[in-house]
């Protein structure tokens, strides 16, 4: 480390830098949005980029068509998302056998390619109690570097009325080989509709 950097610092700890370094060229730091995309796809997630709400609706319909989910039941706890379900004639009031969960999220975590949820999206359900299929609607401004940044953002966003049941879902396909790091985690078939808002 140079003398200049020792005195004035760079604003990032060495651990933060190492997590964002490109494996191909250790000197290049990957931006959080690119790092999230790489890790999310590596975890088996399906990623659909949307420039506007019209594209969100189109991609949502394509997902329904691909999986033959039209006129089926969906699980959704967020009134702001109901209109998209109503447009596609999906039952969501008291689903007995929902085909998928439709939700937003608190944040997208770049360093592990995971999705951070709270009770605002999934109530008090544990990941293994949710449907296997999940469709998430998120925005590019929700991409953060690490889980600690996500928790800090939740604390700042809600100030006093903190949500409960804060959890992440990281694995989006069944592991080919059992890995002790995945012990206790549930693989989900997850689609991410990522809306550009920056």
N, C-alpha and C. Protein backbone atom coordinates (compact mmCIF):
# COMPACT_ATOMS: atom_id res chain seq x y z
N UNK A 1 0.85 -1.17 0.00
CA UNK A 1 0.00 0.00 0.00
C UNK A 1 0.89 1.23 0.00
N UNK A 2 0.56 2.21 -0.81
CA UNK A 2 1.38 3.41 -0.91
C UNK A 2 1.19 4.29 0.32
N UNK A 3 2.18 5.14 0.58
CA UNK A 3 2.14 6.06 1.71
C UNK A 3 0.94 7.01 1.59
N UNK A 4 0.64 7.47 0.36
CA UNK A 4 -0.48 8.38 0.12
C UNK A 4 -1.80 7.73 0.55
N UNK A 5 -1.99 6.46 0.17
CA UNK A 5 -3.23 5.75 0.51
C UNK A 5 -3.32 5.50 2.01
N UNK A 6 -2.17 5.27 2.68
CA UNK A 6 -2.21 5.05 4.12
C UNK A 6 -2.71 6.29 4.85
N UNK A 7 -2.27 7.47 4.40
CA UNK A 7 -2.68 8.71 5.06
C UNK A 7 -4.11 9.11 4.74
N UNK A 8 -4.47 9.02 3.47
CA UNK A 8 -5.76 9.56 3.03
C UNK A 8 -6.83 8.50 2.83
N UNK A 9 -6.45 7.24 2.74
CA UNK A 9 -7.42 6.16 2.57
C UNK A 9 -8.10 6.22 1.21
N UNK A 10 -8.88 5.20 0.92
CA UNK A 10 -9.59 5.15 -0.36
C UNK A 10 -11.08 5.09 -0.17
N UNK A 11 -11.55 5.04 1.08
CA UNK A 11 -13.00 5.01 1.31
C UNK A 11 -13.57 3.60 1.35
N UNK A 12 -12.81 2.61 0.91
CA UNK A 12 -13.28 1.22 0.90
C UNK A 12 -12.31 0.37 1.69
N UNK A 13 -12.83 -0.57 2.46
CA UNK A 13 -11.95 -1.49 3.17
C UNK A 13 -11.40 -2.52 2.17
N UNK A 14 -10.34 -3.19 2.57
CA UNK A 14 -9.74 -4.20 1.69
C UNK A 14 -10.71 -5.33 1.40
N UNK A 15 -11.57 -5.70 2.40
CA UNK A 15 -12.54 -6.77 2.18
C UNK A 15 -13.55 -6.37 1.12
N UNK A 16 -14.02 -5.10 1.16
CA UNK A 16 -15.00 -4.63 0.18
C UNK A 16 -14.40 -4.66 -1.22
N UNK A 17 -13.14 -4.26 -1.33
CA UNK A 17 -12.49 -4.25 -2.64
C UNK A 17 -12.36 -5.66 -3.20
N UNK A 18 -11.93 -6.60 -2.35
CA UNK A 18 -11.72 -7.97 -2.80
C UNK A 18 -13.00 -8.60 -3.31
N UNK A 19 -14.13 -8.30 -2.69
CA UNK A 19 -15.41 -8.87 -3.11
C UNK A 19 -15.87 -8.41 -4.47
N UNK A 20 -15.42 -7.23 -4.90
CA UNK A 20 -15.87 -6.66 -6.17
C UNK A 20 -14.84 -6.76 -7.29
N UNK A 21 -13.75 -7.45 -7.04
CA UNK A 21 -12.72 -7.54 -8.06
C UNK A 21 -13.10 -8.56 -9.13
N UNK A 22 -12.75 -8.23 -10.34
CA UNK A 22 -13.00 -9.15 -11.45
C UNK A 22 -12.05 -10.34 -11.34
N UNK A 23 -12.55 -11.56 -11.55
CA UNK A 23 -11.67 -12.72 -11.49
C UNK A 23 -10.68 -12.76 -12.65
N UNK A 24 -10.98 -12.03 -13.71
CA UNK A 24 -10.13 -12.03 -14.90
C UNK A 24 -9.01 -11.00 -14.80
N UNK A 25 -9.29 -9.89 -14.20
CA UNK A 25 -8.29 -8.85 -14.02
C UNK A 25 -8.50 -8.26 -12.63
N UNK A 26 -7.71 -8.68 -11.65
CA UNK A 26 -7.92 -8.27 -10.26
C UNK A 26 -7.88 -6.76 -10.03
N UNK A 27 -7.37 -6.00 -10.97
CA UNK A 27 -7.31 -4.54 -10.81
C UNK A 27 -8.63 -3.86 -11.16
N UNK A 28 -9.51 -4.56 -11.90
CA UNK A 28 -10.77 -3.96 -12.32
C UNK A 28 -11.86 -4.28 -11.31
N UNK A 29 -12.53 -3.24 -10.81
CA UNK A 29 -13.63 -3.43 -9.87
C UNK A 29 -14.93 -3.48 -10.67
N UNK A 30 -15.73 -4.53 -10.44
CA UNK A 30 -16.99 -4.70 -11.16
C UNK A 30 -18.07 -3.88 -10.45
N UNK A 31 -18.84 -3.07 -11.21
CA UNK A 31 -19.94 -2.32 -10.59
C UNK A 31 -20.97 -3.27 -9.98
N UNK A 32 -21.69 -2.79 -8.97
CA UNK A 32 -22.64 -3.63 -8.22
C UNK A 32 -23.70 -4.26 -9.13
N UNK A 33 -24.21 -3.50 -10.12
CA UNK A 33 -25.26 -4.07 -10.97
C UNK A 33 -24.75 -5.22 -11.82
N UNK A 34 -23.53 -5.10 -12.34
CA UNK A 34 -22.95 -6.20 -13.13
C UNK A 34 -22.63 -7.40 -12.24
N UNK A 35 -22.10 -7.12 -11.05
CA UNK A 35 -21.77 -8.20 -10.12
C UNK A 35 -23.03 -8.95 -9.71
N UNK A 36 -24.12 -8.22 -9.46
CA UNK A 36 -25.38 -8.88 -9.11
C UNK A 36 -25.83 -9.78 -10.25
N UNK A 37 -25.81 -9.27 -11.48
CA UNK A 37 -26.26 -10.04 -12.64
C UNK A 37 -25.45 -11.33 -12.79
N UNK A 38 -24.13 -11.23 -12.67
CA UNK A 38 -23.26 -12.41 -12.78
C UNK A 38 -23.58 -13.45 -11.70
N UNK A 39 -23.66 -13.00 -10.45
CA UNK A 39 -23.90 -13.92 -9.34
C UNK A 39 -25.32 -14.49 -9.35
N UNK A 40 -26.29 -13.67 -9.74
CA UNK A 40 -27.68 -14.11 -9.81
C UNK A 40 -27.83 -15.23 -10.85
N UNK A 41 -27.24 -15.03 -12.02
CA UNK A 41 -27.31 -16.06 -13.07
C UNK A 41 -26.54 -17.31 -12.66
N UNK A 42 -25.39 -17.13 -11.98
CA UNK A 42 -24.59 -18.26 -11.51
C UNK A 42 -25.39 -19.10 -10.51
N UNK A 43 -26.26 -18.44 -9.72
CA UNK A 43 -27.11 -19.14 -8.75
C UNK A 43 -28.32 -19.80 -9.40
N UNK A 44 -28.52 -19.56 -10.72
CA UNK A 44 -29.62 -20.21 -11.43
C UNK A 44 -30.86 -19.35 -11.61
N UNK A 45 -30.77 -18.06 -11.29
CA UNK A 45 -31.92 -17.17 -11.45
C UNK A 45 -32.16 -16.78 -12.91
N UNK A 46 -33.41 -16.48 -13.22
CA UNK A 46 -33.77 -16.04 -14.58
C UNK A 46 -34.01 -14.54 -14.52
N UNK A 47 -33.29 -13.82 -15.36
CA UNK A 47 -33.21 -12.37 -15.29
C UNK A 47 -33.85 -11.74 -16.52
N UNK A 48 -34.82 -10.83 -16.35
CA UNK A 48 -35.46 -10.14 -17.46
C UNK A 48 -35.38 -8.63 -17.22
N UNK A 49 -34.62 -7.96 -18.04
CA UNK A 49 -34.44 -6.51 -17.90
C UNK A 49 -35.61 -5.78 -18.57
N UNK A 50 -36.16 -4.76 -17.90
CA UNK A 50 -37.30 -4.00 -18.43
C UNK A 50 -36.99 -2.51 -18.37
N UNK A 51 -37.15 -1.82 -19.51
CA UNK A 51 -36.90 -0.39 -19.54
C UNK A 51 -38.07 0.43 -19.03
N UNK A 52 -39.29 -0.13 -19.10
CA UNK A 52 -40.48 0.60 -18.65
C UNK A 52 -41.55 -0.39 -18.18
N UNK A 53 -42.66 0.14 -17.68
CA UNK A 53 -43.72 -0.71 -17.15
C UNK A 53 -44.40 -1.56 -18.22
N UNK A 54 -44.42 -1.05 -19.45
CA UNK A 54 -44.99 -1.81 -20.57
C UNK A 54 -44.21 -3.11 -20.78
N UNK A 55 -42.88 -3.02 -20.70
CA UNK A 55 -42.05 -4.22 -20.84
C UNK A 55 -42.23 -5.17 -19.66
N UNK A 56 -42.46 -4.61 -18.47
CA UNK A 56 -42.74 -5.45 -17.29
C UNK A 56 -43.96 -6.31 -17.57
N UNK A 57 -45.03 -5.68 -18.07
CA UNK A 57 -46.27 -6.40 -18.37
C UNK A 57 -46.05 -7.47 -19.44
N UNK A 58 -45.29 -7.13 -20.48
CA UNK A 58 -45.01 -8.09 -21.56
C UNK A 58 -44.25 -9.30 -21.04
N UNK A 59 -43.17 -9.04 -20.28
CA UNK A 59 -42.36 -10.13 -19.74
C UNK A 59 -43.16 -10.98 -18.75
N UNK A 60 -44.00 -10.33 -17.95
CA UNK A 60 -44.83 -11.06 -17.00
C UNK A 60 -45.75 -12.03 -17.75
N UNK A 61 -46.37 -11.55 -18.82
CA UNK A 61 -47.24 -12.41 -19.63
C UNK A 61 -46.47 -13.55 -20.28
N UNK A 62 -45.24 -13.29 -20.73
CA UNK A 62 -44.41 -14.35 -21.32
C UNK A 62 -44.09 -15.44 -20.29
N UNK A 63 -43.84 -15.03 -19.04
CA UNK A 63 -43.55 -16.00 -17.98
C UNK A 63 -44.79 -16.87 -17.74
N UNK A 64 -45.96 -16.22 -17.69
CA UNK A 64 -47.21 -16.96 -17.49
C UNK A 64 -47.44 -17.95 -18.63
N UNK A 65 -47.18 -17.49 -19.85
CA UNK A 65 -47.37 -18.34 -21.03
C UNK A 65 -46.39 -19.51 -21.03
N UNK A 66 -45.13 -19.22 -20.74
CA UNK A 66 -44.09 -20.26 -20.74
C UNK A 66 -44.41 -21.39 -19.76
N UNK A 67 -45.01 -21.03 -18.62
CA UNK A 67 -45.29 -22.01 -17.57
C UNK A 67 -46.74 -22.46 -17.51
N UNK A 68 -47.57 -21.95 -18.42
CA UNK A 68 -48.99 -22.27 -18.46
C UNK A 68 -49.67 -21.94 -17.12
N UNK A 69 -49.45 -20.70 -16.65
CA UNK A 69 -50.00 -20.25 -15.38
C UNK A 69 -51.21 -19.32 -15.56
N UNK A 70 -51.69 -19.12 -16.77
CA UNK A 70 -52.85 -18.26 -16.96
C UNK A 70 -54.04 -18.85 -16.23
N UNK A 71 -54.86 -17.99 -15.66
CA UNK A 71 -56.08 -18.37 -14.93
C UNK A 71 -55.82 -19.39 -13.84
N UNK A 72 -54.67 -19.28 -13.19
CA UNK A 72 -54.35 -20.15 -12.06
C UNK A 72 -54.31 -19.28 -10.79
N UNK A 73 -53.85 -19.84 -9.69
CA UNK A 73 -53.77 -19.13 -8.43
C UNK A 73 -52.35 -18.64 -8.18
N UNK A 74 -52.24 -17.45 -7.60
CA UNK A 74 -50.94 -16.88 -7.25
C UNK A 74 -50.99 -16.38 -5.81
N UNK A 75 -49.86 -16.38 -5.16
CA UNK A 75 -49.74 -15.85 -3.81
C UNK A 75 -49.14 -14.46 -3.91
N UNK A 76 -49.80 -13.46 -3.35
CA UNK A 76 -49.30 -12.09 -3.39
C UNK A 76 -49.82 -11.35 -2.17
N UNK A 77 -48.92 -10.69 -1.44
CA UNK A 77 -49.30 -9.97 -0.22
C UNK A 77 -49.24 -8.45 -0.39
N UNK A 78 -48.94 -7.97 -1.60
CA UNK A 78 -48.72 -6.54 -1.80
C UNK A 78 -49.78 -5.93 -2.72
N UNK A 79 -50.66 -5.09 -2.18
CA UNK A 79 -51.73 -4.48 -2.98
C UNK A 79 -51.24 -3.74 -4.23
N UNK A 80 -50.04 -3.18 -4.18
CA UNK A 80 -49.52 -2.45 -5.35
C UNK A 80 -49.28 -3.36 -6.56
N UNK A 81 -49.22 -4.67 -6.34
CA UNK A 81 -48.99 -5.63 -7.42
C UNK A 81 -50.27 -6.30 -7.92
N UNK A 82 -51.37 -6.09 -7.22
CA UNK A 82 -52.62 -6.77 -7.56
C UNK A 82 -53.09 -6.49 -8.99
N UNK A 83 -52.90 -5.27 -9.47
CA UNK A 83 -53.43 -4.91 -10.80
C UNK A 83 -52.85 -5.80 -11.91
N UNK A 84 -51.57 -6.15 -11.80
CA UNK A 84 -50.94 -7.01 -12.81
C UNK A 84 -51.53 -8.42 -12.76
N UNK A 85 -51.88 -8.87 -11.59
CA UNK A 85 -52.51 -10.19 -11.45
C UNK A 85 -53.95 -10.16 -11.98
N UNK A 86 -54.67 -9.09 -11.68
CA UNK A 86 -56.06 -8.95 -12.15
C UNK A 86 -56.13 -8.89 -13.67
N UNK A 87 -55.20 -8.15 -14.29
CA UNK A 87 -55.16 -8.04 -15.75
C UNK A 87 -55.03 -9.40 -16.43
N UNK A 88 -54.36 -10.32 -15.75
CA UNK A 88 -54.12 -11.65 -16.32
C UNK A 88 -55.03 -12.73 -15.74
N UNK A 89 -56.11 -12.29 -15.10
CA UNK A 89 -57.14 -13.19 -14.57
C UNK A 89 -56.57 -14.27 -13.63
N UNK A 90 -55.70 -13.83 -12.73
CA UNK A 90 -55.12 -14.75 -11.75
C UNK A 90 -55.81 -14.55 -10.41
N UNK A 91 -56.16 -15.64 -9.76
CA UNK A 91 -56.80 -15.60 -8.45
C UNK A 91 -55.72 -15.45 -7.37
N UNK A 92 -55.86 -14.46 -6.49
CA UNK A 92 -54.84 -14.23 -5.48
C UNK A 92 -55.42 -13.91 -4.10
N UNK A 93 -56.73 -13.85 -3.96
CA UNK A 93 -57.32 -13.46 -2.67
C UNK A 93 -57.08 -14.50 -1.58
N UNK A 94 -57.49 -15.73 -1.80
CA UNK A 94 -57.21 -16.80 -0.83
C UNK A 94 -56.83 -18.07 -1.59
N UNK A 95 -55.63 -18.08 -2.16
CA UNK A 95 -55.25 -19.24 -2.99
C UNK A 95 -55.04 -20.50 -2.15
N UNK A 96 -55.65 -21.58 -2.60
CA UNK A 96 -55.48 -22.87 -1.92
C UNK A 96 -54.19 -23.56 -2.38
N UNK A 97 -53.94 -23.49 -3.69
CA UNK A 97 -52.76 -24.13 -4.27
C UNK A 97 -52.09 -23.15 -5.25
N UNK A 98 -51.39 -22.12 -4.74
CA UNK A 98 -50.78 -21.14 -5.64
C UNK A 98 -49.66 -21.75 -6.48
N UNK A 99 -49.63 -21.39 -7.75
CA UNK A 99 -48.58 -21.86 -8.65
C UNK A 99 -47.28 -21.10 -8.41
N UNK A 100 -47.39 -19.81 -8.01
CA UNK A 100 -46.20 -19.00 -7.80
C UNK A 100 -46.47 -17.87 -6.81
N UNK A 101 -45.39 -17.31 -6.29
CA UNK A 101 -45.44 -16.10 -5.46
C UNK A 101 -45.07 -14.93 -6.35
N UNK A 102 -45.86 -13.87 -6.30
CA UNK A 102 -45.53 -12.63 -7.01
C UNK A 102 -45.27 -11.58 -5.96
N UNK A 103 -44.07 -11.01 -5.95
CA UNK A 103 -43.68 -10.08 -4.89
C UNK A 103 -42.65 -9.07 -5.38
N UNK A 104 -42.48 -8.04 -4.57
CA UNK A 104 -41.34 -7.15 -4.77
C UNK A 104 -40.28 -7.66 -3.79
N UNK A 105 -39.28 -6.86 -3.48
CA UNK A 105 -38.28 -7.26 -2.50
C UNK A 105 -37.74 -6.01 -1.82
N UNK A 106 -36.98 -6.20 -0.78
CA UNK A 106 -36.35 -5.05 -0.12
C UNK A 106 -35.15 -4.59 -0.95
N UNK A 107 -34.27 -5.54 -1.28
CA UNK A 107 -33.07 -5.22 -2.05
C UNK A 107 -32.56 -6.44 -2.79
N UNK A 108 -31.67 -6.18 -3.74
CA UNK A 108 -30.95 -7.23 -4.47
C UNK A 108 -29.50 -7.13 -4.03
N UNK A 109 -28.92 -8.24 -3.60
CA UNK A 109 -27.58 -8.23 -3.01
C UNK A 109 -26.56 -8.70 -4.04
N UNK A 110 -25.67 -7.79 -4.44
CA UNK A 110 -24.74 -8.05 -5.55
C UNK A 110 -23.70 -9.11 -5.23
N UNK A 111 -23.08 -9.04 -4.04
CA UNK A 111 -21.94 -9.94 -3.78
C UNK A 111 -22.31 -11.41 -3.69
N UNK A 112 -23.60 -11.73 -3.45
CA UNK A 112 -24.00 -13.13 -3.45
C UNK A 112 -25.11 -13.44 -4.45
N UNK A 113 -25.59 -12.44 -5.19
CA UNK A 113 -26.63 -12.67 -6.19
C UNK A 113 -27.94 -13.11 -5.58
N UNK A 114 -28.25 -12.60 -4.40
CA UNK A 114 -29.45 -13.03 -3.69
C UNK A 114 -30.52 -11.93 -3.64
N UNK A 115 -31.71 -12.31 -3.19
CA UNK A 115 -32.83 -11.39 -3.08
C UNK A 115 -33.19 -11.27 -1.60
N UNK A 116 -33.24 -10.04 -1.09
CA UNK A 116 -33.53 -9.78 0.32
C UNK A 116 -35.01 -9.45 0.50
N UNK A 117 -35.69 -10.24 1.33
CA UNK A 117 -37.12 -10.06 1.60
C UNK A 117 -37.34 -9.68 3.05
N UNK A 118 -38.55 -9.18 3.34
CA UNK A 118 -38.97 -8.96 4.72
C UNK A 118 -40.44 -9.34 4.82
N UNK A 119 -41.01 -9.12 5.99
CA UNK A 119 -42.43 -9.42 6.20
C UNK A 119 -43.33 -8.58 5.31
N UNK A 120 -42.82 -7.50 4.75
CA UNK A 120 -43.62 -6.68 3.83
C UNK A 120 -43.93 -7.41 2.53
N UNK A 121 -43.09 -8.36 2.14
CA UNK A 121 -43.31 -9.11 0.90
C UNK A 121 -43.83 -10.53 1.15
N UNK A 122 -43.33 -11.18 2.21
CA UNK A 122 -43.66 -12.60 2.41
C UNK A 122 -44.36 -12.88 3.74
N UNK A 123 -44.79 -11.83 4.43
CA UNK A 123 -45.42 -11.96 5.76
C UNK A 123 -44.51 -12.76 6.68
N UNK A 124 -45.05 -13.74 7.39
CA UNK A 124 -44.23 -14.51 8.32
C UNK A 124 -43.83 -15.87 7.76
N UNK A 125 -43.96 -16.05 6.45
CA UNK A 125 -43.61 -17.33 5.82
C UNK A 125 -42.10 -17.51 5.73
N UNK A 126 -41.67 -18.71 6.02
CA UNK A 126 -40.26 -19.06 5.80
C UNK A 126 -40.10 -19.41 4.33
N UNK A 127 -38.88 -19.32 3.79
CA UNK A 127 -38.68 -19.66 2.37
C UNK A 127 -39.22 -21.03 1.97
N UNK A 128 -39.10 -22.04 2.85
CA UNK A 128 -39.60 -23.38 2.49
C UNK A 128 -41.12 -23.46 2.51
N UNK A 129 -41.81 -22.45 3.05
CA UNK A 129 -43.28 -22.42 3.06
C UNK A 129 -43.85 -21.70 1.84
N UNK A 130 -42.99 -21.06 1.08
CA UNK A 130 -43.41 -20.33 -0.12
C UNK A 130 -43.48 -21.28 -1.32
N UNK A 131 -44.26 -20.91 -2.35
CA UNK A 131 -44.28 -21.74 -3.56
C UNK A 131 -42.88 -21.88 -4.16
N UNK A 132 -42.65 -22.96 -4.87
CA UNK A 132 -41.35 -23.21 -5.51
C UNK A 132 -41.06 -22.15 -6.57
N UNK A 133 -42.10 -21.68 -7.25
CA UNK A 133 -41.94 -20.68 -8.31
C UNK A 133 -42.18 -19.28 -7.75
N UNK A 134 -41.27 -18.36 -8.07
CA UNK A 134 -41.37 -16.99 -7.58
C UNK A 134 -41.09 -16.03 -8.73
N UNK A 135 -41.92 -14.98 -8.83
CA UNK A 135 -41.66 -13.88 -9.77
C UNK A 135 -41.46 -12.63 -8.93
N UNK A 136 -40.31 -11.98 -9.10
CA UNK A 136 -39.97 -10.79 -8.33
C UNK A 136 -39.95 -9.58 -9.27
N UNK A 137 -40.55 -8.49 -8.81
CA UNK A 137 -40.48 -7.21 -9.52
C UNK A 137 -39.60 -6.29 -8.68
N UNK A 138 -38.47 -5.89 -9.24
CA UNK A 138 -37.53 -5.02 -8.52
C UNK A 138 -37.03 -3.93 -9.46
N UNK A 139 -36.34 -2.96 -8.90
CA UNK A 139 -35.79 -1.86 -9.71
C UNK A 139 -34.26 -1.86 -9.60
N UNK A 140 -33.63 -1.24 -10.56
CA UNK A 140 -32.16 -1.20 -10.57
C UNK A 140 -31.61 -0.43 -9.36
N UNK A 141 -32.37 0.51 -8.81
CA UNK A 141 -31.90 1.25 -7.65
C UNK A 141 -31.88 0.40 -6.38
N UNK A 142 -32.48 -0.78 -6.42
CA UNK A 142 -32.49 -1.68 -5.26
C UNK A 142 -31.25 -2.57 -5.19
N UNK A 143 -30.37 -2.49 -6.18
CA UNK A 143 -29.16 -3.31 -6.17
C UNK A 143 -28.14 -2.67 -5.23
N UNK A 144 -27.72 -3.44 -4.23
CA UNK A 144 -26.73 -2.98 -3.27
C UNK A 144 -25.58 -3.97 -3.23
N UNK A 145 -24.41 -3.51 -2.76
CA UNK A 145 -23.21 -4.33 -2.80
C UNK A 145 -23.27 -5.55 -1.89
N UNK A 146 -23.74 -5.38 -0.64
CA UNK A 146 -23.69 -6.49 0.31
C UNK A 146 -24.96 -6.55 1.17
N UNK A 147 -25.08 -7.64 1.91
CA UNK A 147 -26.23 -7.84 2.79
C UNK A 147 -26.27 -6.77 3.88
N UNK A 148 -25.10 -6.39 4.38
CA UNK A 148 -25.07 -5.34 5.42
C UNK A 148 -25.60 -4.02 4.87
N UNK A 149 -25.32 -3.72 3.59
CA UNK A 149 -25.88 -2.52 2.97
C UNK A 149 -27.40 -2.63 2.89
N UNK A 150 -27.91 -3.83 2.59
CA UNK A 150 -29.34 -4.06 2.52
C UNK A 150 -30.02 -3.85 3.86
N UNK A 151 -29.40 -4.35 4.93
CA UNK A 151 -29.95 -4.17 6.27
C UNK A 151 -29.92 -2.70 6.68
N UNK A 152 -28.84 -2.03 6.33
CA UNK A 152 -28.73 -0.59 6.61
C UNK A 152 -29.82 0.19 5.88
N UNK A 153 -30.11 -0.20 4.66
CA UNK A 153 -31.15 0.45 3.85
C UNK A 153 -32.53 0.23 4.46
N UNK A 154 -32.78 -0.97 4.96
CA UNK A 154 -34.05 -1.26 5.63
C UNK A 154 -34.20 -0.37 6.87
N UNK A 155 -33.13 -0.26 7.64
CA UNK A 155 -33.16 0.57 8.85
C UNK A 155 -33.45 2.03 8.51
N UNK A 156 -32.84 2.51 7.44
CA UNK A 156 -33.04 3.91 7.01
C UNK A 156 -34.45 4.12 6.43
N UNK A 157 -34.93 3.15 5.67
CA UNK A 157 -36.23 3.27 4.98
C UNK A 157 -37.40 3.26 5.95
N UNK A 158 -37.35 2.41 6.96
CA UNK A 158 -38.50 2.24 7.85
C UNK A 158 -38.37 3.01 9.17
N UNK A 159 -37.21 3.52 9.49
CA UNK A 159 -36.91 4.31 10.69
C UNK A 159 -37.41 3.71 11.99
N UNK A 160 -38.72 3.61 12.22
CA UNK A 160 -39.20 3.09 13.50
C UNK A 160 -39.98 1.79 13.35
N UNK A 161 -40.77 1.65 12.33
CA UNK A 161 -41.62 0.48 12.15
C UNK A 161 -40.89 -0.58 11.32
N UNK A 162 -39.87 -1.20 11.92
CA UNK A 162 -39.04 -2.16 11.20
C UNK A 162 -39.83 -3.41 10.82
N UNK A 163 -39.63 -3.90 9.60
CA UNK A 163 -40.27 -5.17 9.23
C UNK A 163 -39.58 -6.32 9.95
N UNK A 164 -40.29 -7.42 10.04
CA UNK A 164 -39.72 -8.62 10.65
C UNK A 164 -39.45 -9.65 9.55
N UNK A 165 -39.03 -10.83 9.93
CA UNK A 165 -38.81 -11.93 8.99
C UNK A 165 -37.91 -11.52 7.82
N UNK A 166 -36.80 -10.88 8.12
CA UNK A 166 -35.85 -10.47 7.08
C UNK A 166 -35.01 -11.69 6.70
N UNK A 167 -35.05 -12.03 5.41
CA UNK A 167 -34.35 -13.23 4.94
C UNK A 167 -33.93 -13.05 3.48
N UNK A 168 -33.01 -13.88 3.03
CA UNK A 168 -32.62 -13.85 1.62
C UNK A 168 -32.89 -15.21 1.00
N UNK A 169 -33.11 -15.18 -0.29
CA UNK A 169 -33.16 -16.42 -1.08
C UNK A 169 -32.02 -16.31 -2.08
N UNK A 170 -31.17 -17.32 -2.05
CA UNK A 170 -29.95 -17.26 -2.85
C UNK A 170 -29.86 -18.33 -3.93
N UNK A 171 -30.45 -19.50 -3.71
CA UNK A 171 -30.31 -20.60 -4.65
C UNK A 171 -31.58 -20.75 -5.48
N UNK A 172 -31.41 -20.74 -6.79
CA UNK A 172 -32.56 -20.73 -7.69
C UNK A 172 -32.65 -21.98 -8.56
N UNK A 173 -31.84 -22.97 -8.25
CA UNK A 173 -31.94 -24.27 -8.90
C UNK A 173 -31.35 -25.30 -7.97
N UNK A 174 -31.83 -26.52 -8.09
CA UNK A 174 -31.35 -27.60 -7.23
C UNK A 174 -29.88 -27.86 -7.53
N UNK A 175 -29.08 -27.96 -6.49
CA UNK A 175 -27.65 -28.21 -6.66
C UNK A 175 -27.42 -29.59 -7.26
N UNK A 176 -26.48 -29.65 -8.21
CA UNK A 176 -26.15 -30.93 -8.83
C UNK A 176 -25.43 -31.83 -7.82
N UNK A 177 -24.58 -31.21 -7.01
CA UNK A 177 -23.89 -31.93 -5.94
C UNK A 177 -24.22 -31.23 -4.64
N UNK A 178 -24.51 -32.01 -3.62
CA UNK A 178 -24.84 -31.40 -2.32
C UNK A 178 -23.60 -30.70 -1.77
N UNK A 179 -23.79 -29.48 -1.32
CA UNK A 179 -22.72 -28.65 -0.81
C UNK A 179 -23.10 -28.24 0.61
N UNK A 180 -22.16 -28.32 1.55
CA UNK A 180 -22.50 -27.98 2.92
C UNK A 180 -22.94 -26.52 3.07
N UNK A 181 -22.55 -25.65 2.14
CA UNK A 181 -22.97 -24.25 2.20
C UNK A 181 -24.46 -24.09 1.89
N UNK A 182 -25.03 -25.05 1.18
CA UNK A 182 -26.45 -24.98 0.83
C UNK A 182 -27.32 -25.73 1.81
N UNK A 183 -26.73 -26.30 2.86
CA UNK A 183 -27.50 -27.08 3.82
C UNK A 183 -28.60 -26.22 4.43
N UNK A 184 -29.82 -26.71 4.41
CA UNK A 184 -30.95 -26.00 5.00
C UNK A 184 -31.58 -24.97 4.10
N UNK A 185 -31.01 -24.71 2.93
CA UNK A 185 -31.58 -23.72 2.02
C UNK A 185 -32.51 -24.44 1.03
N UNK A 186 -33.47 -23.70 0.53
CA UNK A 186 -34.46 -24.25 -0.38
C UNK A 186 -34.26 -23.62 -1.75
N UNK A 187 -34.11 -24.44 -2.78
CA UNK A 187 -33.95 -23.91 -4.13
C UNK A 187 -35.31 -23.47 -4.67
N UNK A 188 -35.35 -22.29 -5.29
CA UNK A 188 -36.58 -21.75 -5.85
C UNK A 188 -36.38 -21.48 -7.33
N UNK A 189 -37.44 -21.66 -8.11
CA UNK A 189 -37.43 -21.31 -9.53
C UNK A 189 -37.82 -19.84 -9.60
N UNK A 190 -36.83 -18.96 -9.72
CA UNK A 190 -37.07 -17.53 -9.56
C UNK A 190 -36.86 -16.74 -10.85
N UNK A 191 -37.85 -15.93 -11.17
CA UNK A 191 -37.76 -14.99 -12.28
C UNK A 191 -37.66 -13.59 -11.69
N UNK A 192 -36.74 -12.79 -12.22
CA UNK A 192 -36.59 -11.41 -11.77
C UNK A 192 -36.93 -10.46 -12.91
N UNK A 193 -37.97 -9.65 -12.70
CA UNK A 193 -38.29 -8.56 -13.64
C UNK A 193 -37.62 -7.33 -13.08
N UNK A 194 -36.52 -6.91 -13.71
CA UNK A 194 -35.73 -5.78 -13.22
C UNK A 194 -36.05 -4.54 -14.01
N UNK A 195 -36.71 -3.59 -13.37
CA UNK A 195 -37.15 -2.35 -14.01
C UNK A 195 -36.10 -1.27 -13.84
N UNK A 196 -35.68 -0.66 -14.94
CA UNK A 196 -34.71 0.43 -14.94
C UNK A 196 -35.35 1.67 -14.33
N UNK A 197 -34.75 2.21 -13.27
CA UNK A 197 -35.29 3.44 -12.66
C UNK A 197 -34.20 4.44 -12.34
N UNK A 198 -33.00 4.24 -12.87
CA UNK A 198 -31.91 5.20 -12.62
C UNK A 198 -31.66 6.08 -13.82
